[in-house]
Amino acid sequence: MQVLELIGVHEDYQRRGIAGALIRWATDQADRDGLETYLDGTELGQPYYSKRHGFRTVADIDVPDHASYGSFRYKSMIRAPQPTKQ
């Protein structure tokens, strides 16, 4: 299994394809090796990961409230290996 750590792009550089390029680089390698890809994403990012990269949510992870960052929920997501283009 290929595991992607949390990917974050500074807000000044978002919407330029940076995160997508990183995800494609990793999923291309996983596809080549026939591996699933796992990532934890935010609820906000979940539709993007699903639509653009083929991930499906398998679990929710609640992060407890903390004074410095509040509380939030991650989505644990899996992407099955895709056939590679020759």
Protein backbone atom coordinates (compact mmCIF):
# COMPACT_ATOMS: atom_id res chain seq x y z
CA MET A 1 0.00 0.00 0.00
CA GLN A 2 1.21 3.48 -0.90
CA VAL A 3 0.56 5.97 1.94
CA LEU A 4 0.29 9.72 1.39
CA GLU A 5 0.89 11.92 4.38
CA LEU A 6 -1.18 15.04 4.76
CA ILE A 7 -0.59 17.36 1.85
CA GLY A 8 -0.93 21.05 2.46
CA VAL A 9 -0.30 23.95 0.14
CA HIS A 10 0.12 27.46 1.50
CA GLU A 11 -2.96 29.52 0.69
CA ASP A 12 -0.92 31.92 -1.47
CA TYR A 13 -0.12 29.01 -3.81
CA GLN A 14 -3.40 27.06 -3.83
CA ARG A 15 -5.39 26.40 -7.00
CA ARG A 16 -2.24 26.11 -9.12
CA GLY A 17 -2.17 22.33 -9.42
CA ILE A 18 0.58 21.73 -6.87
CA ALA A 19 -1.29 19.24 -4.66
CA GLY A 20 -2.76 17.50 -7.72
CA ALA A 21 0.71 17.03 -9.21
CA LEU A 22 1.97 15.50 -5.96
CA ILE A 23 -1.02 13.17 -5.73
CA ARG A 24 -0.69 12.10 -9.38
CA TRP A 25 3.03 11.42 -8.90
CA ALA A 26 2.26 9.10 -5.97
CA THR A 27 -0.77 7.40 -7.53
CA ASP A 28 1.11 6.83 -10.80
CA GLN A 29 3.79 4.96 -8.85
CA ALA A 30 1.17 2.97 -6.94
CA ASP A 31 -0.64 2.09 -10.18
CA ARG A 32 2.61 0.93 -11.76
CA ASP A 33 3.25 -1.34 -8.75
CA GLY A 34 -0.39 -2.50 -8.43
CA LEU A 35 -0.80 -0.94 -4.97
CA GLU A 36 -3.70 0.78 -3.25
CA THR A 37 -3.10 4.37 -2.15
CA TYR A 38 -4.18 5.61 1.28
CA LEU A 39 -4.56 9.18 2.48
CA ASP A 40 -6.16 11.14 5.29
CA GLY A 41 -7.86 14.23 3.92
CA THR A 42 -10.05 16.96 5.31
CA GLU A 43 -13.80 16.98 4.89
CA LEU A 44 -13.37 20.02 2.67
CA GLY A 45 -10.92 18.21 0.40
CA GLN A 46 -12.84 14.92 0.25
CA PRO A 47 -14.89 15.76 -2.87
CA TYR A 48 -11.71 16.74 -4.72
CA TYR A 49 -9.91 13.52 -3.79
CA SER A 50 -12.93 11.48 -4.85
CA LYS A 51 -13.76 13.22 -8.13
CA ARG A 52 -10.30 14.06 -9.39
CA HIS A 53 -8.23 11.16 -8.08
CA GLY A 54 -10.63 8.25 -7.49
CA PHE A 55 -10.37 7.94 -3.71
CA ARG A 56 -13.25 6.57 -1.64
CA THR A 57 -13.85 7.32 2.03
CA VAL A 58 -13.46 4.32 4.33
CA ALA A 59 -13.58 5.98 7.78
CA ASP A 60 -13.94 9.27 9.60
CA ILE A 61 -11.34 10.34 12.15
CA ASP A 62 -12.44 12.97 14.65
CA VAL A 63 -9.64 15.13 16.01
CA PRO A 64 -10.52 16.36 19.51
CA ASP A 65 -10.93 20.04 20.28
CA HIS A 66 -7.70 21.84 21.12
CA ALA A 67 -7.26 25.48 22.13
CA SER A 68 -4.72 26.27 19.39
CA TYR A 69 -6.51 24.67 16.41
CA GLY A 70 -10.07 23.72 17.37
CA SER A 71 -11.56 20.40 16.32
CA PHE A 72 -12.01 18.86 12.91
CA ARG A 73 -12.56 15.59 11.07
CA TYR A 74 -10.28 13.74 8.69
CA LYS A 75 -11.51 11.34 6.05
CA SER A 76 -9.51 8.14 5.67
CA MET A 77 -9.54 7.38 1.98
CA ILE A 78 -8.38 4.53 -0.28
CA ARG A 79 -7.76 4.48 -4.02
CA ALA A 80 -7.59 1.16 -5.83
CA PRO A 81 -4.75 0.73 -8.32
CA GLN A 82 -5.72 1.76 -11.84
CA PRO A 83 -4.58 0.11 -15.06
CA THR A 84 -1.44 1.82 -16.32
CA LYS A 85 -1.25 3.25 -19.82
CA GLN A 86 1.43 1.66 -21.96
